[in-house]
């Protein structure tokens, strides 16, 4: 039982941190790179400028979906570890 709990905590930490770092890294990359890609056909700055927005409602929905999948994955893998004992 303790091994399964330790395994579950490890999975939540590793997968959760990966999801958080990936999401924040993607947003940071967007804010960093998109301004350099604002060139039109004539290699001039695009008018009007590109507006950077994060679709927060969609992002929250995706994060909720990933969290649900994380929970299912941890429960399933923890039960498999417990069943082998």
Protein backbone atom coordinates (compact mmCIF):
# COMPACT_ATOMS: atom_id res chain seq x y z
CA UNK A 1 0.00 0.00 0.00
CA UNK A 2 2.82 2.42 0.83
CA UNK A 3 4.62 1.56 -2.39
CA UNK A 4 1.46 2.28 -4.38
CA UNK A 5 0.99 5.62 -2.61
CA UNK A 6 4.60 6.60 -3.27
CA UNK A 7 4.22 5.56 -6.90
CA UNK A 8 1.02 7.63 -7.24
CA UNK A 9 2.64 10.71 -5.72
CA UNK A 10 5.64 10.34 -8.01
CA UNK A 11 3.39 10.09 -11.06
CA UNK A 12 1.35 13.15 -10.08
CA UNK A 13 4.48 15.23 -9.46
CA UNK A 14 6.26 14.21 -12.66
CA UNK A 15 3.25 14.42 -14.99
CA UNK A 16 1.81 17.50 -13.29
CA UNK A 17 5.07 19.42 -13.44
CA UNK A 18 5.51 18.39 -17.06
CA UNK A 19 2.07 19.74 -17.94
CA UNK A 20 2.61 23.01 -16.07
CA UNK A 21 6.09 23.60 -17.49
CA UNK A 22 4.90 22.71 -21.00
CA UNK A 23 1.94 25.09 -20.81
CA UNK A 24 3.94 27.99 -19.40
CA UNK A 25 6.78 27.31 -21.83
CA UNK A 26 4.38 27.36 -24.76
CA UNK A 27 2.88 30.68 -23.68
CA UNK A 28 6.35 32.17 -23.12
CA UNK A 29 7.50 30.93 -26.52
CA UNK A 30 4.44 32.48 -28.15
CA UNK A 31 5.10 35.87 -26.55
CA UNK A 32 8.79 35.66 -27.49
CA UNK A 33 8.67 34.40 -31.08
CA UNK A 34 5.48 35.79 -32.64
CA UNK A 35 6.70 39.43 -32.69
CA UNK A 36 9.66 38.32 -34.84
CA UNK A 37 7.34 36.58 -37.31
CA UNK A 38 5.19 39.63 -38.10
CA UNK A 39 6.41 40.18 -41.64
CA UNK A 40 4.15 40.48 -44.65
CA UNK A 41 4.90 39.56 -48.26
CA UNK A 42 7.00 42.70 -48.77
CA UNK A 43 9.11 42.08 -45.63
CA UNK A 44 7.45 44.97 -43.84
CA UNK A 45 5.77 45.02 -40.47
CA UNK A 46 2.17 43.90 -40.80
CA UNK A 47 -0.51 46.57 -40.33
CA UNK A 48 -2.45 46.19 -38.10
CA UNK A 49 0.01 44.39 -35.85
CA UNK A 50 -0.67 40.83 -34.76
CA UNK A 51 -2.55 40.75 -31.48
CA UNK A 52 -1.33 38.10 -29.06
CA UNK A 53 -4.08 36.62 -26.93
CA UNK A 54 -4.29 33.46 -24.89
CA UNK A 55 -7.72 31.78 -25.11
CA UNK A 56 -8.00 31.31 -21.36
CA UNK A 57 -11.35 29.50 -21.41
CA UNK A 58 -10.07 26.95 -23.94
CA UNK A 59 -6.81 26.62 -22.03
CA UNK A 60 -8.64 25.94 -18.76
CA UNK A 61 -10.75 23.31 -20.53
CA UNK A 62 -7.66 21.58 -21.91
CA UNK A 63 -5.96 21.72 -18.52
CA UNK A 64 -9.05 20.15 -16.92
CA UNK A 65 -9.01 17.39 -19.54
CA UNK A 66 -5.30 16.74 -18.97
CA UNK A 67 -5.86 16.70 -15.19
CA UNK A 68 -8.66 14.15 -15.58
CA UNK A 69 -6.47 11.97 -17.80
CA UNK A 70 -3.65 12.33 -15.27
CA UNK A 71 -5.90 11.12 -12.47
CA UNK A 72 -7.15 8.16 -14.53
CA UNK A 73 -3.59 7.26 -15.50
CA UNK A 74 -2.32 7.42 -11.92
CA UNK A 75 -5.25 5.38 -10.55
CA UNK A 76 -4.89 2.76 -13.28
CA UNK A 77 -1.11 2.40 -12.96
CA UNK A 78 -1.28 2.39 -9.14
CA UNK A 79 -3.83 -0.42 -9.21
CA UNK A 80 -1.61 -2.40 -11.56
CA UNK A 81 1.34 -1.97 -9.19
CA UNK A 82 -0.83 -2.99 -6.22
CA UNK A 83 -2.23 -6.02 -8.08
CA UNK A 84 1.25 -7.39 -8.76
CA UNK A 85 2.02 -7.65 -5.07
